[in-house]
Amino acid sequence: MASTKEYLDFVLGQINDAEITHKKMMGEYLLYANGVLFGGIYDDRLLIKPTEKAKELLPNAEYAIPYDGAKPMLFCDFVDDSEKLTEFIKILSCYNNE
């Protein structure tokens, strides 16, 4: 199932004061903060690239498969919390996917 533009717009609207760009890729969306890939929207779910910093910030996050054959990513279950999501993305973008 492809992600909807409405869900993309919702997620982007939840992230404040951060330079977020996206690329559409086979019905899904790759997300970049300050030019660095940090995750994507897959099946209307925000999934985060499991970098060391992301795993440190989300130690109890569930993993989800974005599409068949892909490596697991961290499932972001706080998309509704704009403040928390914005802070998370800002911190993550400072670490350049270490």
PDB file of N, CA and C in Angstrom:
ATOM      1  N   MET A   1       0.847  -1.174   0.000  1.00  0.00           N
ATOM      2  CA  MET A   1       0.000   0.000   0.000  1.00  0.00           C
ATOM      3  C   MET A   1       0.896   1.243   0.000  1.00  0.00           C
ATOM      4  N   ALA A   2       0.631   2.158  -0.848  1.00  0.00           N
ATOM      5  CA  ALA A   2       1.396   3.404  -0.921  1.00  0.00           C
ATOM      6  C   ALA A   2       0.923   4.376   0.153  1.00  0.00           C
ATOM      7  N   SER A   3       1.820   5.236   0.569  1.00  0.00           N
ATOM      8  CA  SER A   3       1.478   6.271   1.548  1.00  0.00           C
ATOM      9  C   SER A   3       0.725   7.401   0.866  1.00  0.00           C
ATOM     10  N   THR A   4      -0.083   8.082   1.660  1.00  0.00           N
ATOM     11  CA  THR A   4      -0.873   9.178   1.103  1.00  0.00           C
ATOM     12  C   THR A   4      -0.145  10.511   1.277  1.00  0.00           C
ATOM     13  N   LYS A   5      -0.423  11.412   0.381  1.00  0.00           N
ATOM     14  CA  LYS A   5       0.128  12.767   0.459  1.00  0.00           C
ATOM     15  C   LYS A   5      -0.413  13.465   1.704  1.00  0.00           C
ATOM     16  N   GLU A   6      -1.621  13.132   2.100  1.00  0.00           N
ATOM     17  CA  GLU A   6      -2.226  13.725   3.293  1.00  0.00           C
ATOM     18  C   GLU A   6      -1.429  13.355   4.549  1.00  0.00           C
ATOM     19  N   TYR A   7      -1.001  12.085   4.637  1.00  0.00           N
ATOM     20  CA  TYR A   7      -0.211  11.682   5.805  1.00  0.00           C
ATOM     21  C   TYR A   7       1.157  12.362   5.782  1.00  0.00           C
ATOM     22  N   LEU A   8       1.775  12.447   4.622  1.00  0.00           N
ATOM     23  CA  LEU A   8       3.040  13.172   4.491  1.00  0.00           C
ATOM     24  C   LEU A   8       2.867  14.604   4.987  1.00  0.00           C
ATOM     25  N   ASP A   9       1.833  15.277   4.512  1.00  0.00           N
ATOM     26  CA  ASP A   9       1.575  16.661   4.912  1.00  0.00           C
ATOM     27  C   ASP A   9       1.345  16.775   6.421  1.00  0.00           C
ATOM     28  N   PHE A  10       0.651  15.797   6.997  1.00  0.00           N
ATOM     29  CA  PHE A  10       0.414  15.793   8.439  1.00  0.00           C
ATOM     30  C   PHE A  10       1.740  15.711   9.195  1.00  0.00           C
ATOM     31  N   VAL A  11       2.590  14.751   8.812  1.00  0.00           N
ATOM     32  CA  VAL A  11       3.885  14.568   9.491  1.00  0.00           C
ATOM     33  C   VAL A  11       4.734  15.818   9.342  1.00  0.00           C
ATOM     34  N   LEU A  12       4.823  16.338   8.133  1.00  0.00           N
ATOM     35  CA  LEU A  12       5.629  17.545   7.907  1.00  0.00           C
ATOM     36  C   LEU A  12       5.087  18.727   8.717  1.00  0.00           C
ATOM     37  N   GLY A  13       3.784  18.801   8.865  1.00  0.00           N
ATOM     38  CA  GLY A  13       3.163  19.859   9.652  1.00  0.00           C
ATOM     39  C   GLY A  13       3.438  19.738  11.144  1.00  0.00           C
ATOM     40  N   GLN A  14       3.742  18.535  11.588  1.00  0.00           N
ATOM     41  CA  GLN A  14       4.044  18.296  12.999  1.00  0.00           C
ATOM     42  C   GLN A  14       5.469  18.704  13.366  1.00  0.00           C
ATOM     43  N   ILE A  15       6.342  18.812  12.365  1.00  0.00           N
ATOM     44  CA  ILE A  15       7.752  19.131  12.613  1.00  0.00           C
ATOM     45  C   ILE A  15       7.953  20.625  12.392  1.00  0.00           C
ATOM     46  N   ASN A  16       8.321  21.328  13.454  1.00  0.00           N
ATOM     47  CA  ASN A  16       8.485  22.775  13.402  1.00  0.00           C
ATOM     48  C   ASN A  16       9.966  23.156  13.471  1.00  0.00           C
ATOM     49  N   ASP A  17      10.289  24.269  12.861  1.00  0.00           N
ATOM     50  CA  ASP A  17      11.635  24.842  12.973  1.00  0.00           C
ATOM     51  C   ASP A  17      12.751  23.879  12.581  1.00  0.00           C
ATOM     52  N   ALA A  18      12.509  23.017  11.642  1.00  0.00           N
ATOM     53  CA  ALA A  18      13.547  22.118  11.131  1.00  0.00           C
ATOM     54  C   ALA A  18      13.417  22.076   9.614  1.00  0.00           C
ATOM     55  N   GLU A  19      14.535  22.039   8.951  1.00  0.00           N
ATOM     56  CA  GLU A  19      14.526  22.021   7.489  1.00  0.00           C
ATOM     57  C   GLU A  19      14.337  20.581   7.006  1.00  0.00           C
ATOM     58  N   ILE A  20      13.102  20.233   6.697  1.00  0.00           N
ATOM     59  CA  ILE A  20      12.757  18.882   6.265  1.00  0.00           C
ATOM     60  C   ILE A  20      12.411  18.907   4.784  1.00  0.00           C
ATOM     61  N   THR A  21      13.023  18.000   4.050  1.00  0.00           N
ATOM     62  CA  THR A  21      12.684  17.826   2.640  1.00  0.00           C
ATOM     63  C   THR A  21      12.292  16.371   2.444  1.00  0.00           C
ATOM     64  N   HIS A  22      11.675  16.096   1.314  1.00  0.00           N
ATOM     65  CA  HIS A  22      11.256  14.722   1.039  1.00  0.00           C
ATOM     66  C   HIS A  22      11.400  14.414  -0.442  1.00  0.00           C
ATOM     67  N   LYS A  23      11.502  13.118  -0.722  1.00  0.00           N
ATOM     68  CA  LYS A  23      11.516  12.632  -2.102  1.00  0.00           C
ATOM     69  C   LYS A  23      10.526  11.485  -2.187  1.00  0.00           C
ATOM     70  N   LYS A  24       9.711  11.527  -3.212  1.00  0.00           N
ATOM     71  CA  LYS A  24       8.774  10.426  -3.433  1.00  0.00           C
ATOM     72  C   LYS A  24       9.530   9.292  -4.114  1.00  0.00           C
ATOM     73  N   MET A  25       9.351   8.096  -3.588  1.00  0.00           N
ATOM     74  CA  MET A  25      10.059   6.935  -4.107  1.00  0.00           C
ATOM     75  C   MET A  25       9.117   5.731  -4.110  1.00  0.00           C
ATOM     76  N   MET A  26       8.674   5.331  -5.257  1.00  0.00           N
ATOM     77  CA  MET A  26       7.817   4.151  -5.428  1.00  0.00           C
ATOM     78  C   MET A  26       6.586   4.178  -4.511  1.00  0.00           C
ATOM     79  N   GLY A  27       5.936   5.321  -4.427  1.00  0.00           N
ATOM     80  CA  GLY A  27       4.711   5.429  -3.640  1.00  0.00           C
ATOM     81  C   GLY A  27       4.933   5.734  -2.174  1.00  0.00           C
ATOM     82  N   GLU A  28       6.169   5.825  -1.763  1.00  0.00           N
ATOM     83  CA  GLU A  28       6.496   6.154  -0.382  1.00  0.00           C
ATOM     84  C   GLU A  28       7.316   7.448  -0.382  1.00  0.00           C
ATOM     85  N   TYR A  29       7.722   7.912   0.800  1.00  0.00           N
ATOM     86  CA  TYR A  29       8.438   9.179   0.899  1.00  0.00           C
ATOM     87  C   TYR A  29       9.680   9.030   1.764  1.00  0.00           C
ATOM     88  N   LEU A  30      10.824   9.415   1.231  1.00  0.00           N
ATOM     89  CA  LEU A  30      12.056   9.474   1.999  1.00  0.00           C
ATOM     90  C   LEU A  30      12.138  10.866   2.624  1.00  0.00           C
ATOM     91  N   LEU A  31      12.560  10.937   3.884  1.00  0.00           N
ATOM     92  CA  LEU A  31      12.605  12.209   4.602  1.00  0.00           C
ATOM     93  C   LEU A  31      14.038  12.575   4.973  1.00  0.00           C
ATOM     94  N   TYR A  32      14.350  13.850   4.784  1.00  0.00           N
ATOM     95  CA  TYR A  32      15.691  14.367   5.044  1.00  0.00           C
ATOM     96  C   TYR A  32      15.600  15.559   5.985  1.00  0.00           C
ATOM     97  N   ALA A  33      16.508  15.613   6.941  1.00  0.00           N
ATOM     98  CA  ALA A  33      16.637  16.771   7.831  1.00  0.00           C
ATOM     99  C   ALA A  33      18.000  17.388   7.552  1.00  0.00           C
ATOM    100  N   ASN A  34      17.993  18.641   7.148  1.00  0.00           N
ATOM    101  CA  ASN A  34      19.237  19.328   6.791  1.00  0.00           C
ATOM    102  C   ASN A  34      20.036  18.542   5.749  1.00  0.00           C
ATOM    103  N   GLY A  35      19.324  17.928   4.819  1.00  0.00           N
ATOM    104  CA  GLY A  35      19.958  17.200   3.726  1.00  0.00           C
ATOM    105  C   GLY A  35      20.373  15.780   4.048  1.00  0.00           C
ATOM    106  N   VAL A  36      20.143  15.315   5.271  1.00  0.00           N
ATOM    107  CA  VAL A  36      20.553  13.975   5.694  1.00  0.00           C
ATOM    108  C   VAL A  36      19.314  13.082   5.849  1.00  0.00           C
ATOM    109  N   LEU A  37      19.345  11.927   5.201  1.00  0.00           N
ATOM    110  CA  LEU A  37      18.240  10.971   5.294  1.00  0.00           C
ATOM    111  C   LEU A  37      18.099  10.486   6.734  1.00  0.00           C
ATOM    112  N   PHE A  38      16.907  10.646   7.299  1.00  0.00           N
ATOM    113  CA  PHE A  38      16.681  10.158   8.661  1.00  0.00           C
ATOM    114  C   PHE A  38      15.569   9.127   8.741  1.00  0.00           C
ATOM    115  N   GLY A  39      14.788   8.981   7.706  1.00  0.00           N
ATOM    116  CA  GLY A  39      13.694   8.019   7.752  1.00  0.00           C
ATOM    117  C   GLY A  39      12.786   8.179   6.557  1.00  0.00           C
ATOM    118  N   GLY A  40      11.571   7.690   6.727  1.00  0.00           N
ATOM    119  CA  GLY A  40      10.625   7.786   5.641  1.00  0.00           C
ATOM    120  C   GLY A  40       9.217   7.459   6.091  1.00  0.00           C
ATOM    121  N   ILE A  41       8.316   7.686   5.182  1.00  0.00           N
ATOM    122  CA  ILE A  41       6.914   7.340   5.412  1.00  0.00           C
ATOM    123  C   ILE A  41       6.605   6.148   4.525  1.00  0.00           C
ATOM    124  N   TYR A  42       6.229   5.059   5.169  1.00  0.00           N
ATOM    125  CA  TYR A  42       5.937   3.798   4.501  1.00  0.00           C
ATOM    126  C   TYR A  42       4.582   3.306   4.996  1.00  0.00           C
ATOM    127  N   ASP A  43       3.672   3.069   4.089  1.00  0.00           N
ATOM    128  CA  ASP A  43       2.316   2.620   4.460  1.00  0.00           C
ATOM    129  C   ASP A  43       1.707   3.531   5.527  1.00  0.00           C
ATOM    130  N   ASP A  44       1.873   4.837   5.341  1.00  0.00           N
ATOM    131  CA  ASP A  44       1.353   5.836   6.279  1.00  0.00           C
ATOM    132  C   ASP A  44       1.848   5.611   7.709  1.00  0.00           C
ATOM    133  N   ARG A  45       3.130   5.244   7.832  1.00  0.00           N
ATOM    134  CA  ARG A  45       3.802   5.124   9.130  1.00  0.00           C
ATOM    135  C   ARG A  45       5.129   5.866   9.017  1.00  0.00           C
ATOM    136  N   LEU A  46       5.494   6.619  10.042  1.00  0.00           N
ATOM    137  CA  LEU A  46       6.797   7.266  10.074  1.00  0.00           C
ATOM    138  C   LEU A  46       7.798   6.269  10.647  1.00  0.00           C
ATOM    139  N   LEU A  47       8.762   5.889   9.823  1.00  0.00           N
ATOM    140  CA  LEU A  47       9.809   4.969  10.249  1.00  0.00           C
ATOM    141  C   LEU A  47      11.139   5.702  10.217  1.00  0.00           C
ATOM    142  N   ILE A  48      11.968   5.426  11.211  1.00  0.00           N
ATOM    143  CA  ILE A  48      13.232   6.120  11.404  1.00  0.00           C
ATOM    144  C   ILE A  48      14.391   5.165  11.125  1.00  0.00           C
ATOM    145  N   LYS A  49      15.390   5.675  10.408  1.00  0.00           N
ATOM    146  CA  LYS A  49      16.602   4.909  10.133  1.00  0.00           C
ATOM    147  C   LYS A  49      17.249   4.556  11.475  1.00  0.00           C
ATOM    148  N   PRO A  50      17.557   3.282  11.711  1.00  0.00           N
ATOM    149  CA  PRO A  50      18.055   2.864  13.025  1.00  0.00           C
ATOM    150  C   PRO A  50      19.549   3.143  13.235  1.00  0.00           C
ATOM    151  N   THR A  51      19.907   4.417  13.262  1.00  0.00           N
ATOM    152  CA  THR A  51      21.285   4.807  13.545  1.00  0.00           C
ATOM    153  C   THR A  51      21.558   4.610  15.041  1.00  0.00           C
ATOM    154  N   GLU A  52      22.803   4.678  15.421  1.00  0.00           N
ATOM    155  CA  GLU A  52      23.145   4.540  16.845  1.00  0.00           C
ATOM    156  C   GLU A  52      22.436   5.607  17.680  1.00  0.00           C
ATOM    157  N   LYS A  53      22.434   6.849  17.196  1.00  0.00           N
ATOM    158  CA  LYS A  53      21.786   7.934  17.944  1.00  0.00           C
ATOM    159  C   LYS A  53      20.276   7.719  18.026  1.00  0.00           C
ATOM    160  N   ALA A  54      19.654   7.289  16.948  1.00  0.00           N
ATOM    161  CA  ALA A  54      18.211   7.042  16.959  1.00  0.00           C
ATOM    162  C   ALA A  54      17.868   5.930  17.948  1.00  0.00           C
ATOM    163  N   LYS A  55      18.660   4.874  17.964  1.00  0.00           N
ATOM    164  CA  LYS A  55      18.413   3.776  18.908  1.00  0.00           C
ATOM    165  C   LYS A  55      18.638   4.224  20.348  1.00  0.00           C
ATOM    166  N   GLU A  56      19.602   5.123  20.550  1.00  0.00           N
ATOM    167  CA  GLU A  56      19.841   5.672  21.894  1.00  0.00           C
ATOM    168  C   GLU A  56      18.652   6.526  22.345  1.00  0.00           C
ATOM    169  N   LEU A  57      18.124   7.345  21.437  1.00  0.00           N
ATOM    170  CA  LEU A  57      17.004   8.217  21.766  1.00  0.00           C
ATOM    171  C   LEU A  57      15.688   7.458  21.917  1.00  0.00           C
ATOM    172  N   LEU A  58      15.561   6.338  21.218  1.00  0.00           N
ATOM    173  CA  LEU A  58      14.333   5.531  21.250  1.00  0.00           C
ATOM    174  C   LEU A  58      14.651   4.089  21.645  1.00  0.00           C
ATOM    175  N   PRO A  59      15.134   3.866  22.858  1.00  0.00           N
ATOM    176  CA  PRO A  59      15.581   2.522  23.246  1.00  0.00           C
ATOM    177  C   PRO A  59      14.474   1.466  23.268  1.00  0.00           C
ATOM    178  N   ASN A  60      13.238   1.873  23.415  1.00  0.00           N
ATOM    179  CA  ASN A  60      12.133   0.922  23.502  1.00  0.00           C
ATOM    180  C   ASN A  60      11.266   0.893  22.248  1.00  0.00           C
ATOM    181  N   ALA A  61      11.755   1.513  21.188  1.00  0.00           N
ATOM    182  CA  ALA A  61      10.961   1.585  19.956  1.00  0.00           C
ATOM    183  C   ALA A  61      10.773   0.198  19.342  1.00  0.00           C
ATOM    184  N   GLU A  62       9.614   0.016  18.768  1.00  0.00           N
ATOM    185  CA  GLU A  62       9.349  -1.205  18.016  1.00  0.00           C
ATOM    186  C   GLU A  62      10.003  -1.069  16.648  1.00  0.00           C
ATOM    187  N   TYR A  63      10.368  -2.189  16.067  1.00  0.00           N
ATOM    188  CA  TYR A  63      10.910  -2.190  14.720  1.00  0.00           C
ATOM    189  C   TYR A  63       9.798  -2.566  13.748  1.00  0.00           C
ATOM    190  N   ALA A  64       9.867  -2.025  12.554  1.00  0.00           N
ATOM    191  CA  ALA A  64       8.884  -2.317  11.514  1.00  0.00           C
ATOM    192  C   ALA A  64       9.622  -2.449  10.186  1.00  0.00           C
ATOM    193  N   ILE A  65       9.097  -3.282   9.326  1.00  0.00           N
ATOM    194  CA  ILE A  65       9.665  -3.484   7.991  1.00  0.00           C
ATOM    195  C   ILE A  65       8.966  -2.502   7.046  1.00  0.00           C
ATOM    196  N   PRO A  66       9.733  -1.625   6.392  1.00  0.00           N
ATOM    197  CA  PRO A  66       9.090  -0.638   5.510  1.00  0.00           C
ATOM    198  C   PRO A  66       8.471  -1.256   4.261  1.00  0.00           C
ATOM    199  N   TYR A  67       9.105  -2.291   3.726  1.00  0.00           N
ATOM    200  CA  TYR A  67       8.588  -2.993   2.542  1.00  0.00           C
ATOM    201  C   TYR A  67       9.289  -4.343   2.473  1.00  0.00           C
ATOM    202  N   ASP A  68       8.742  -5.268   1.713  1.00  0.00           N
ATOM    203  CA  ASP A  68       9.306  -6.609   1.617  1.00  0.00           C
ATOM    204  C   ASP A  68      10.773  -6.567   1.211  1.00  0.00           C
ATOM    205  N   GLY A  69      11.593  -7.275   1.962  1.00  0.00           N
ATOM    206  CA  GLY A  69      13.008  -7.369   1.657  1.00  0.00           C
ATOM    207  C   GLY A  69      13.866  -6.274   2.273  1.00  0.00           C
ATOM    208  N   ALA A  70      13.253  -5.295   2.919  1.00  0.00           N
ATOM    209  CA  ALA A  70      14.002  -4.181   3.524  1.00  0.00           C
ATOM    210  C   ALA A  70      14.422  -4.533   4.950  1.00  0.00           C
ATOM    211  N   LYS A  71      15.440  -3.826   5.415  1.00  0.00           N
ATOM    212  CA  LYS A  71      15.881  -3.968   6.800  1.00  0.00           C
ATOM    213  C   LYS A  71      14.886  -3.252   7.712  1.00  0.00           C
ATOM    214  N   PRO A  72      14.747  -3.740   8.933  1.00  0.00           N
ATOM    215  CA  PRO A  72      13.824  -3.101   9.877  1.00  0.00           C
ATOM    216  C   PRO A  72      14.238  -1.672  10.207  1.00  0.00           C
ATOM    217  N   MET A  73      13.237  -0.865  10.476  1.00  0.00           N
ATOM    218  CA  MET A  73      13.437   0.524  10.881  1.00  0.00           C
ATOM    219  C   MET A  73      12.681   0.749  12.185  1.00  0.00           C
ATOM    220  N   LEU A  74      12.987   1.837  12.862  1.00  0.00           N
ATOM    221  CA  LEU A  74      12.316   2.168  14.116  1.00  0.00           C
ATOM    222  C   LEU A  74      10.965   2.816  13.822  1.00  0.00           C
ATOM    223  N   PHE A  75       9.939   2.305  14.460  1.00  0.00           N
ATOM    224  CA  PHE A  75       8.596   2.850  14.295  1.00  0.00           C
ATOM    225  C   PHE A  75       8.419   4.036  15.240  1.00  0.00           C
ATOM    226  N   CYS A  76       8.076   5.177  14.688  1.00  0.00           N
ATOM    227  CA  CYS A  76       7.854   6.394  15.479  1.00  0.00           C
ATOM    228  C   CYS A  76       6.392   6.434  15.897  1.00  0.00           C
ATOM    229  N   ASP A  77       6.157   6.223  17.191  1.00  0.00           N
ATOM    230  CA  ASP A  77       4.780   6.169  17.686  1.00  0.00           C
ATOM    231  C   ASP A  77       4.329   7.474  18.346  1.00  0.00           C
ATOM    232  N   PHE A  78       5.096   8.556  18.144  1.00  0.00           N
ATOM    233  CA  PHE A  78       4.714   9.822  18.760  1.00  0.00           C
ATOM    234  C   PHE A  78       4.547  10.934  17.722  1.00  0.00           C
ATOM    235  N   VAL A  79       4.071  10.581  16.557  1.00  0.00           N
ATOM    236  CA  VAL A  79       3.850  11.568  15.492  1.00  0.00           C
ATOM    237  C   VAL A  79       2.838  12.625  15.927  1.00  0.00           C
ATOM    238  N   ASP A  80       1.909  12.271  16.788  1.00  0.00           N
ATOM    239  CA  ASP A  80       0.893  13.221  17.251  1.00  0.00           C
ATOM    240  C   ASP A  80       1.448  14.272  18.207  1.00  0.00           C
ATOM    241  N   ASP A  81       2.641  14.032  18.744  1.00  0.00           N
ATOM    242  CA  ASP A  81       3.260  14.954  19.696  1.00  0.00           C
ATOM    243  C   ASP A  81       4.262  15.834  18.946  1.00  0.00           C
ATOM    244  N   SER A  82       3.792  16.967  18.461  1.00  0.00           N
ATOM    245  CA  SER A  82       4.598  17.852  17.627  1.00  0.00           C
ATOM    246  C   SER A  82       5.885  18.292  18.321  1.00  0.00           C
ATOM    247  N   GLU A  83       5.797  18.652  19.581  1.00  0.00           N
ATOM    248  CA  GLU A  83       6.979  19.123  20.310  1.00  0.00           C
ATOM    249  C   GLU A  83       8.032  18.023  20.430  1.00  0.00           C
ATOM    250  N   LYS A  84       7.610  16.844  20.822  1.00  0.00           N
ATOM    251  CA  LYS A  84       8.537  15.719  20.979  1.00  0.00           C
ATOM    252  C   LYS A  84       9.142  15.324  19.629  1.00  0.00           C
ATOM    253  N   LEU A  85       8.311  15.262  18.602  1.00  0.00           N
ATOM    254  CA  LEU A  85       8.794  14.886  17.272  1.00  0.00           C
ATOM    255  C   LEU A  85       9.795  15.902  16.743  1.00  0.00           C
ATOM    256  N   THR A  86       9.488  17.184  16.902  1.00  0.00           N
ATOM    257  CA  THR A  86      10.389  18.236  16.436  1.00  0.00           C
ATOM    258  C   THR A  86      11.734  18.143  17.145  1.00  0.00           C
ATOM    259  N   GLU A  87      11.718  17.993  18.449  1.00  0.00           N
ATOM    260  CA  GLU A  87      12.961  17.902  19.219  1.00  0.00           C
ATOM    261  C   GLU A  87      13.768  16.665  18.798  1.00  0.00           C
ATOM    262  N   PHE A  88      13.093  15.551  18.621  1.00  0.00           N
ATOM    263  CA  PHE A  88      13.753  14.314  18.197  1.00  0.00           C
ATOM    264  C   PHE A  88      14.454  14.506  16.849  1.00  0.00           C
ATOM    265  N   ILE A  89      13.761  15.075  15.891  1.00  0.00           N
ATOM    266  CA  ILE A  89      14.328  15.277  14.558  1.00  0.00           C
ATOM    267  C   ILE A  89      15.494  16.252  14.614  1.00  0.00           C
ATOM    268  N   LYS A  90      15.369  17.309  15.399  1.00  0.00           N
ATOM    269  CA  LYS A  90      16.463  18.273  15.529  1.00  0.00           C
ATOM    270  C   LYS A  90      17.713  17.609  16.103  1.00  0.00           C
ATOM    271  N   ILE A  91      17.556  16.825  17.150  1.00  0.00           N
ATOM    272  CA  ILE A  91      18.699  16.131  17.750  1.00  0.00           C
ATOM    273  C   ILE A  91      19.291  15.145  16.756  1.00  0.00           C
ATOM    274  N   LEU A  92      18.438  14.372  16.136  1.00  0.00           N
ATOM    275  CA  LEU A  92      18.893  13.357  15.188  1.00  0.00           C
ATOM    276  C   LEU A  92      19.655  13.978  14.025  1.00  0.00           C
ATOM    277  N   SER A  93      19.196  15.109  13.532  1.00  0.00           N
ATOM    278  CA  SER A  93      19.830  15.731  12.371  1.00  0.00           C
ATOM    279  C   SER A  93      21.219  16.274  12.679  1.00  0.00           C
ATOM    280  N   CYS A  94      21.510  16.488  13.948  1.00  0.00           N
ATOM    281  CA  CYS A  94      22.854  16.960  14.352  1.00  0.00           C
ATOM    282  C   CYS A  94      23.899  15.858  14.321  1.00  0.00           C
ATOM    283  N   TYR A  95      23.461  14.615  14.265  1.00  0.00           N
ATOM    284  CA  TYR A  95      24.395  13.498  14.361  1.00  0.00           C
ATOM    285  C   TYR A  95      24.743  12.861  13.030  1.00  0.00           C
ATOM    286  N   ASN A  96      24.231  13.410  11.943  1.00  0.00           N
ATOM    287  CA  ASN A  96      24.653  12.983  10.605  1.00  0.00           C
ATOM    288  C   ASN A  96      24.604  11.475  10.383  1.00  0.00           C
ATOM    289  N   ASN A  97      23.607  10.808  10.980  1.00  0.00           N
ATOM    290  CA  ASN A  97      23.401   9.355  10.819  1.00  0.00           C
ATOM    291  C   ASN A  97      24.569   8.516  11.305  1.00  0.00           C
ATOM    292  N   GLU A  98      25.157   8.892  12.417  1.00  0.00           N
ATOM    293  CA  GLU A  98      26.252   8.116  12.994  1.00  0.00           C
ATOM    294  C   GLU A  98      25.744   6.801  13.521  1.00  0.00           C
TER     295      GLU A  98
END
